[in-house]
C-alpha atoms as a PDB file:
ATOM      1  CA  MET A   1      28.034  58.894 -12.454  1.00  0.00           C
ATOM      2  CA  SER A   2      29.032  59.097  -8.793  1.00  0.00           C
ATOM      3  CA  LEU A   3      32.168  57.265  -7.763  1.00  0.00           C
ATOM      4  CA  GLY A   4      30.613  56.559  -4.368  1.00  0.00           C
ATOM      5  CA  SER A   5      31.806  57.463  -0.901  1.00  0.00           C
ATOM      6  CA  ILE A   6      35.086  57.149   1.028  1.00  0.00           C
ATOM      7  CA  ASP A   7      35.208  55.208   4.283  1.00  0.00           C
ATOM      8  CA  THR A   8      37.105  57.579   6.586  1.00  0.00           C
ATOM      9  CA  ALA A   9      38.298  54.722   8.790  1.00  0.00           C
ATOM     10  CA  THR A  10      39.871  52.595   6.053  1.00  0.00           C
ATOM     11  CA  GLY A  11      40.260  55.019   3.161  1.00  0.00           C
ATOM     12  CA  LYS A  12      38.476  52.501   0.932  1.00  0.00           C
ATOM     13  CA  ARG A  13      36.262  53.843  -1.818  1.00  0.00           C
ATOM     14  CA  HIS A  14      32.781  52.294  -1.947  1.00  0.00           C
ATOM     15  CA  LEU A  15      31.841  52.365  -5.617  1.00  0.00           C
ATOM     16  CA  ASP A  16      28.288  52.856  -6.786  1.00  0.00           C
ATOM     17  CA  ILE A  17      28.316  50.486  -9.755  1.00  0.00           C
ATOM     18  CA  PRO A  18      25.124  49.069 -11.281  1.00  0.00           C
ATOM     19  CA  HIS A  19      24.810  45.296 -11.294  1.00  0.00           C
ATOM     20  CA  VAL A  20      25.870  43.933 -14.662  1.00  0.00           C
ATOM     21  CA  GLN A  21      25.099  40.345 -15.626  1.00  0.00           C
ATOM     22  CA  VAL A  22      28.286  38.820 -17.000  1.00  0.00           C
ATOM     23  CA  ALA A  23      28.268  35.113 -17.819  1.00  0.00           C
ATOM     24  CA  SER A  24      27.629  33.419 -14.454  1.00  0.00           C
ATOM     25  CA  MET A  25      28.792  36.334 -12.347  1.00  0.00           C
ATOM     26  CA  VAL A  26      27.122  39.517 -11.136  1.00  0.00           C
ATOM     27  CA  LEU A  27      29.734  42.211 -10.782  1.00  0.00           C
ATOM     28  CA  GLY A  28      29.218  45.339  -8.737  1.00  0.00           C
ATOM     29  CA  ASP A  29      28.429  43.977  -5.278  1.00  0.00           C
ATOM     30  CA  ARG A  30      31.522  43.009  -3.285  1.00  0.00           C
ATOM     31  CA  SER A  31      29.410  41.423  -0.547  1.00  0.00           C
ATOM     32  CA  LYS A  32      27.578  38.928  -2.748  1.00  0.00           C
ATOM     33  CA  PRO A  33      29.819  37.114  -5.226  1.00  0.00           C
ATOM     34  CA  GLU A  34      27.697  34.880  -7.431  1.00  0.00           C
ATOM     35  CA  GLY A  35      30.199  33.097  -9.623  1.00  0.00           C
ATOM     36  CA  ARG A  36      33.598  33.247 -11.198  1.00  0.00           C
ATOM     37  CA  PRO A  37      35.079  35.984 -13.391  1.00  0.00           C
ATOM     38  CA  LEU A  38      35.899  33.429 -16.112  1.00  0.00           C
ATOM     39  CA  PRO A  39      34.936  29.797 -16.695  1.00  0.00           C
ATOM     40  CA  ALA A  40      37.064  27.544 -14.493  1.00  0.00           C
ATOM     41  CA  PRO A  41      37.217  23.747 -14.176  1.00  0.00           C
ATOM     42  CA  THR A  42      36.504  23.909 -10.437  1.00  0.00           C
ATOM     43  CA  SER A  43      34.659  26.111  -7.966  1.00  0.00           C
ATOM     44  CA  SER A  44      37.255  26.385  -5.192  1.00  0.00           C
ATOM     45  CA  LEU A  45      40.989  26.269  -4.527  1.00  0.00           C
ATOM     46  CA  ASP A  46      40.584  22.854  -2.944  1.00  0.00           C
ATOM     47  CA  GLY A  47      38.605  21.728  -5.976  1.00  0.00           C
ATOM     48  CA  LEU A  48      41.374  22.928  -8.286  1.00  0.00           C
ATOM     49  CA  LYS A  49      43.944  20.931  -6.327  1.00  0.00           C
ATOM     50  CA  LYS A  50      41.782  17.805  -6.610  1.00  0.00           C
ATOM     51  CA  TYR A  51      41.267  18.487 -10.331  1.00  0.00           C
ATOM     52  CA  VAL A  52      45.040  18.493 -10.902  1.00  0.00           C
ATOM     53  CA  GLN A  53      45.393  15.285  -8.882  1.00  0.00           C
ATOM     54  CA  ARG A  54      42.647  13.544 -10.872  1.00  0.00           C
ATOM     55  CA  ALA A  55      44.239  14.693 -14.103  1.00  0.00           C
ATOM     56  CA  ALA A  56      47.611  13.303 -13.020  1.00  0.00           C
ATOM     57  CA  ALA A  57      45.993   9.967 -12.211  1.00  0.00           C
ATOM     58  CA  ILE A  58      45.064   9.476 -15.874  1.00  0.00           C
ATOM     59  CA  GLY A  59      48.362  10.810 -17.167  1.00  0.00           C
ATOM     60  CA  TYR A  60      47.090  14.266 -18.115  1.00  0.00           C
ATOM     61  CA  GLU A  61      49.240  17.192 -16.981  1.00  0.00           C
ATOM     62  CA  PRO A  62      47.786  20.669 -17.645  1.00  0.00           C
ATOM     63  CA  ASP A  63      50.244  23.469 -18.346  1.00  0.00           C
ATOM     64  CA  PRO A  64      51.234  24.845 -14.907  1.00  0.00           C
ATOM     65  CA  VAL A  65      50.688  28.421 -16.113  1.00  0.00           C
ATOM     66  CA  HIS A  66      47.127  27.545 -17.151  1.00  0.00           C
ATOM     67  CA  VAL A  67      46.502  26.016 -13.720  1.00  0.00           C
ATOM     68  CA  LEU A  68      47.933  29.153 -12.120  1.00  0.00           C
ATOM     69  CA  TYR A  69      45.527  31.317 -14.114  1.00  0.00           C
ATOM     70  CA  GLU A  70      42.582  29.192 -12.985  1.00  0.00           C
ATOM     71  CA  GLN A  71      43.814  29.616  -9.406  1.00  0.00           C
ATOM     72  CA  LEU A  72      44.004  33.381  -9.885  1.00  0.00           C
ATOM     73  CA  LYS A  73      40.417  33.525 -11.186  1.00  0.00           C
ATOM     74  CA  ILE A  74      39.167  31.575  -8.198  1.00  0.00           C
ATOM     75  CA  VAL A  75      41.070  33.817  -5.766  1.00  0.00           C
ATOM     76  CA  ILE A  76      39.544  36.928  -7.357  1.00  0.00           C
ATOM     77  CA  ALA A  77      36.023  35.484  -7.199  1.00  0.00           C
ATOM     78  CA  GLU A  78      36.242  34.075  -3.678  1.00  0.00           C
ATOM     79  CA  ASN A  79      37.552  37.378  -2.315  1.00  0.00           C
ATOM     80  CA  ASN A  80      34.834  39.459  -4.007  1.00  0.00           C
ATOM     81  CA  ILE A  81      37.375  41.469  -5.987  1.00  0.00           C
ATOM     82  CA  LEU A  82      35.754  43.429  -8.804  1.00  0.00           C
ATOM     83  CA  LEU A  83      37.111  43.288 -12.339  1.00  0.00           C
ATOM     84  CA  TYR A  84      36.981  46.466 -14.430  1.00  0.00           C
ATOM     85  CA  ASP A  85      36.495  46.576 -18.179  1.00  0.00           C
ATOM     86  CA  ASP A  86      39.940  46.761 -19.750  1.00  0.00           C
ATOM     87  CA  LYS A  87      38.744  48.548 -22.882  1.00  0.00           C
ATOM     88  CA  ALA A  88      37.212  51.333 -20.754  1.00  0.00           C
ATOM     89  CA  VAL A  89      40.415  51.599 -18.729  1.00  0.00           C
ATOM     90  CA  HIS A  90      42.543  51.628 -21.868  1.00  0.00           C
ATOM     91  CA  GLU A  91      40.530  54.417 -23.463  1.00  0.00           C
ATOM     92  CA  TRP A  92      40.574  56.428 -20.230  1.00  0.00           C
ATOM     93  CA  MET A  93      44.343  56.153 -19.873  1.00  0.00           C
ATOM     94  CA  CYS A  94      44.891  57.136 -23.515  1.00  0.00           C
ATOM     95  CA  LYS A  95      42.691  60.191 -22.991  1.00  0.00           C
ATOM     96  CA  MET A  96      44.622  61.203 -19.878  1.00  0.00           C
ATOM     97  CA  ALA A  97      47.974  60.800 -21.645  1.00  0.00           C
ATOM     98  CA  GLN A  98      46.718  62.744 -24.645  1.00  0.00           C
ATOM     99  CA  LYS A  99      45.940  65.710 -22.402  1.00  0.00           C
ATOM    100  CA  GLN A 100      49.627  65.921 -21.508  1.00  0.00           C
ATOM    101  CA  GLY A 101      50.696  66.301 -25.140  1.00  0.00           C
ATOM    102  CA  PRO A 102      51.386  64.269 -28.288  1.00  0.00           C
ATOM    103  CA  ARG A 103      54.631  62.773 -26.960  1.00  0.00           C
ATOM    104  CA  MET A 104      53.205  61.450 -23.705  1.00  0.00           C
ATOM    105  CA  LYS A 105      52.718  57.689 -23.496  1.00  0.00           C
ATOM    106  CA  TRP A 106      51.482  55.588 -20.602  1.00  0.00           C
ATOM    107  CA  VAL A 107      52.821  52.204 -19.542  1.00  0.00           C
ATOM    108  CA  TRP A 108      52.205  49.344 -17.139  1.00  0.00           C
ATOM    109  CA  LYS A 109      54.909  48.924 -14.466  1.00  0.00           C
ATOM    110  CA  SER A 110      55.429  46.110 -12.015  1.00  0.00           C
ATOM    111  CA  LEU A 111      54.343  46.939  -8.477  1.00  0.00           C
ATOM    112  CA  THR A 112      57.146  44.877  -6.954  1.00  0.00           C
ATOM    113  CA  LYS A 113      60.378  43.954  -8.744  1.00  0.00           C
ATOM    114  CA  PRO A 114      60.895  44.809 -12.425  1.00  0.00           C
ATOM    115  CA  LEU A 115      59.307  42.032 -14.468  1.00  0.00           C
ATOM    116  CA  GLU A 116      62.605  40.701 -15.847  1.00  0.00           C
ATOM    117  CA  GLN A 117      63.862  40.269 -12.264  1.00  0.00           C
ATOM    118  CA  LEU A 118      60.543  38.970 -10.966  1.00  0.00           C
ATOM    119  CA  ILE A 119      59.847  36.199 -13.444  1.00  0.00           C
ATOM    120  CA  GLY A 120      62.857  36.148 -15.794  1.00  0.00           C
ATOM    121  CA  ARG A 121      63.431  37.819 -19.151  1.00  0.00           C
ATOM    122  CA  GLU A 122      61.714  35.216 -21.328  1.00  0.00           C
ATOM    123  CA  ALA A 123      58.575  35.066 -19.170  1.00  0.00           C
ATOM    124  CA  ALA A 124      58.520  38.857 -18.859  1.00  0.00           C
ATOM    125  CA  TRP A 125      58.221  39.162 -22.628  1.00  0.00           C
ATOM    126  CA  SER A 126      55.127  36.959 -22.518  1.00  0.00           C
ATOM    127  CA  ILE A 127      53.378  39.554 -20.328  1.00  0.00           C
ATOM    128  CA  HIS A 128      51.520  41.412 -23.065  1.00  0.00           C
ATOM    129  CA  TYR A 129      48.981  44.148 -22.770  1.00  0.00           C
ATOM    130  CA  GLN A 130      46.201  43.064 -25.119  1.00  0.00           C
ATOM    131  CA  TYR A 131      45.187  46.188 -26.994  1.00  0.00           C
ATOM    132  CA  LYS A 132      47.255  45.917 -30.169  1.00  0.00           C
ATOM    133  CA  ALA A 133      44.033  46.343 -32.144  1.00  0.00           C
ATOM    134  CA  TYR A 134      43.539  49.802 -30.681  1.00  0.00           C
ATOM    135  CA  GLU A 135      47.048  51.086 -31.439  1.00  0.00           C
ATOM    136  CA  LEU A 136      46.138  52.811 -34.689  1.00  0.00           C
ATOM    137  CA  LYS A 137      42.868  54.130 -33.339  1.00  0.00           C
ATOM    138  CA  ILE A 138      44.461  55.928 -30.412  1.00  0.00           C
ATOM    139  CA  ASP A 139      47.753  56.753 -32.137  1.00  0.00           C
ATOM    140  CA  GLY A 140      50.692  57.177 -29.755  1.00  0.00           C
ATOM    141  CA  TYR A 141      49.132  56.730 -26.334  1.00  0.00           C
ATOM    142  CA  TYR A 142      49.323  52.931 -26.279  1.00  0.00           C
ATOM    143  CA  GLY A 143      49.876  51.254 -22.886  1.00  0.00           C
ATOM    144  CA  GLU A 144      52.994  49.150 -23.311  1.00  0.00           C
ATOM    145  CA  VAL A 145      54.552  47.007 -20.585  1.00  0.00           C
ATOM    146  CA  ASP A 146      57.735  48.307 -18.939  1.00  0.00           C
ATOM    147  CA  ARG A 147      59.738  45.184 -18.132  1.00  0.00           C
ATOM    148  CA  THR A 148      62.869  46.775 -16.660  1.00  0.00           C
ATOM    149  CA  SER A 149      61.587  49.204 -14.023  1.00  0.00           C
ATOM    150  CA  ARG A 150      58.939  49.246 -11.302  1.00  0.00           C
ATOM    151  CA  TYR A 151      56.224  51.519  -9.907  1.00  0.00           C
ATOM    152  CA  THR A 152      57.567  53.612  -7.000  1.00  0.00           C
ATOM    153  CA  LYS A 153      54.801  56.089  -6.173  1.00  0.00           C
ATOM    154  CA  ILE A 154      52.732  55.686  -2.988  1.00  0.00           C
ATOM    155  CA  ILE A 155      49.622  53.516  -3.351  1.00  0.00           C
ATOM    156  CA  PRO A 156      46.603  53.773  -1.011  1.00  0.00           C
ATOM    157  CA  GLU A 157      46.342  51.329   1.890  1.00  0.00           C
ATOM    158  CA  ALA A 158      43.134  49.890   0.412  1.00  0.00           C
ATOM    159  CA  VAL A 159      44.917  49.086  -2.861  1.00  0.00           C
ATOM    160  CA  LEU A 160      47.791  47.556  -0.898  1.00  0.00           C
ATOM    161  CA  ALA A 161      45.169  45.355   0.784  1.00  0.00           C
ATOM    162  CA  THR A 162      43.911  44.189  -2.632  1.00  0.00           C
ATOM    163  CA  ALA A 163      47.468  43.281  -3.625  1.00  0.00           C
ATOM    164  CA  GLU A 164      48.004  41.427  -0.336  1.00  0.00           C
ATOM    165  CA  THR A 165      44.745  39.518  -0.737  1.00  0.00           C
ATOM    166  CA  ILE A 166      45.801  38.219  -4.134  1.00  0.00           C
ATOM    167  CA  LEU A 167      49.447  37.437  -3.413  1.00  0.00           C
ATOM    168  CA  LYS A 168      48.891  35.562  -0.152  1.00  0.00           C
ATOM    169  CA  HIS A 169      47.349  32.708  -2.131  1.00  0.00           C
ATOM    170  CA  PHE A 170      50.482  32.138  -4.222  1.00  0.00           C
ATOM    171  CA  LYS A 171      54.084  31.110  -3.711  1.00  0.00           C
ATOM    172  CA  LYS A 172      56.816  33.700  -4.176  1.00  0.00           C
ATOM    173  CA  THR A 173      58.080  31.686  -7.129  1.00  0.00           C
ATOM    174  CA  ASP A 174      54.720  31.749  -8.950  1.00  0.00           C
ATOM    175  CA  PRO A 175      54.734  34.125 -11.964  1.00  0.00           C
ATOM    176  CA  ILE A 176      51.929  36.326 -10.622  1.00  0.00           C
ATOM    177  CA  CYS A 177      52.557  39.924 -11.653  1.00  0.00           C
ATOM    178  CA  LEU A 178      50.901  43.010 -10.183  1.00  0.00           C
ATOM    179  CA  LEU A 179      51.136  46.035 -12.469  1.00  0.00           C
ATOM    180  CA  VAL A 180      50.159  49.694 -12.150  1.00  0.00           C
ATOM    181  CA  SER A 181      49.409  52.084 -15.012  1.00  0.00           C
ATOM    182  CA  ASP A 182      51.792  55.046 -15.040  1.00  0.00           C
ATOM    183  CA  TYR A 183      52.967  58.030 -17.041  1.00  0.00           C
ATOM    184  CA  ALA A 184      55.312  60.917 -16.424  1.00  0.00           C
ATOM    185  CA  VAL A 185      53.234  63.310 -14.312  1.00  0.00           C
ATOM    186  CA  VAL A 186      53.353  63.976 -10.570  1.00  0.00           C
ATOM    187  CA  GLN A 187      49.873  62.567 -10.018  1.00  0.00           C
ATOM    188  CA  PRO A 188      49.112  59.953 -12.687  1.00  0.00           C
ATOM    189  CA  ASP A 189      45.888  58.006 -13.132  1.00  0.00           C
ATOM    190  CA  PRO A 190      46.599  54.611 -11.600  1.00  0.00           C
ATOM    191  CA  PHE A 191      44.908  51.267 -12.132  1.00  0.00           C
ATOM    192  CA  LEU A 192      46.035  47.993 -10.559  1.00  0.00           C
ATOM    193  CA  ALA A 193      46.152  44.904 -12.762  1.00  0.00           C
ATOM    194  CA  VAL A 194      47.204  41.319 -12.147  1.00  0.00           C
ATOM    195  CA  ALA A 195      48.725  39.214 -14.911  1.00  0.00           C
ATOM    196  CA  VAL A 196      50.030  35.735 -15.617  1.00  0.00           C
ATOM    197  CA  PRO A 197      52.329  35.044 -18.599  1.00  0.00           C
ATOM    198  CA  GLN A 198      50.382  34.289 -21.809  1.00  0.00           C
ATOM    199  CA  PHE A 199      47.043  35.523 -20.400  1.00  0.00           C
ATOM    200  CA  PRO A 200      45.127  38.840 -20.535  1.00  0.00           C
ATOM    201  CA  PHE A 201      45.430  41.414 -17.766  1.00  0.00           C
ATOM    202  CA  LEU A 202      42.737  41.430 -15.079  1.00  0.00           C
ATOM    203  CA  ILE A 203      42.179  44.976 -13.776  1.00  0.00           C
ATOM    204  CA  VAL A 204      41.240  44.733 -10.108  1.00  0.00           C
ATOM    205  CA  ASP A 205      41.444  48.227  -8.556  1.00  0.00           C
ATOM    206  CA  PHE A 206      41.952  51.946  -9.204  1.00  0.00           C
ATOM    207  CA  TRP A 207      42.392  55.205  -7.318  1.00  0.00           C
ATOM    208  CA  ASP A 208      42.560  58.985  -7.791  1.00  0.00           C
ATOM    209  CA  GLU A 209      40.400  58.844 -10.905  1.00  0.00           C
ATOM    210  CA  PRO A 210      37.935  61.759 -10.780  1.00  0.00           C
ATOM    211  CA  GLY A 211      35.643  61.436 -13.771  1.00  0.00           C
ATOM    212  CA  PHE A 212      36.318  57.771 -14.511  1.00  0.00           C
ATOM    213  CA  GLN A 213      33.064  55.839 -14.693  1.00  0.00           C
ATOM    214  CA  PRO A 214      33.657  52.278 -13.497  1.00  0.00           C
ATOM    215  CA  LYS A 215      32.360  49.613 -15.817  1.00  0.00           C
ATOM    216  CA  ALA A 216      32.152  45.935 -14.920  1.00  0.00           C
ATOM    217  CA  ALA A 217      34.314  43.665 -17.012  1.00  0.00           C
ATOM    218  CA  GLU A 218      32.831  41.406 -19.637  1.00  0.00           C
ATOM    219  CA  THR A 219      34.197  37.951 -18.947  1.00  0.00           C
ATOM    220  CA  ASN A 220      32.194  35.487 -20.961  1.00  0.00           C
ATOM    221  CA  THR A 221      34.996  33.716 -22.840  1.00  0.00           C
ATOM    222  CA  GLN A 222      37.974  31.630 -21.845  1.00  0.00           C
ATOM    223  CA  LYS A 223      40.195  33.979 -23.853  1.00  0.00           C
ATOM    224  CA  GLY A 224      39.798  36.705 -21.268  1.00  0.00           C
ATOM    225  CA  LEU A 225      38.333  40.155 -21.065  1.00  0.00           C
ATOM    226  CA  ASN A 226      39.125  41.444 -24.529  1.00  0.00           C
ATOM    227  CA  LYS A 227      36.620  41.491 -27.346  1.00  0.00           C
END
């Protein structure tokens, strides 16, 4: 499958991804968002704010982290950010690590501050990569979360733009975590994910992945992307 073309002006990759019907959303066309990546109680950021106000009026206070996750889903949908299938990404990263030898493991690292500095030690330990079920299947190449260091390699300007687009909708104190997949080679195989404590990763971008065949995420349950 072709990975599409590169816009020489922006450096952004235009992916040739077939439309895939996923719940109420068609993924694969950044110009025509048709829904939300996961079910949400509202359809806009303003609607979410009003939802919280209405809830407070009857004495109901949703968990702030749950509200934050709903906000994140709306931001992703309204900005036409594609979600990529986390199982496909997981299997690809395990394959790449395996090529480096039996002792090579890949991890997720925070793009900004180390997680324990960014959101505190307790919250950092609630940032869990979801593929425990695949650990035995893929042996030692499991993508754990590195909570004490950060990603320091150069990222493309287009990926930086994705990160900016997401973060500008949140306060600096919100526990929104951007993570990049990494392992100990000069040119690793990076994916960008966004995470909120207690919730599954949402994989929102990738780069330098010759051979990786993008697959739209399946997002038809409130639990997240994982099956």
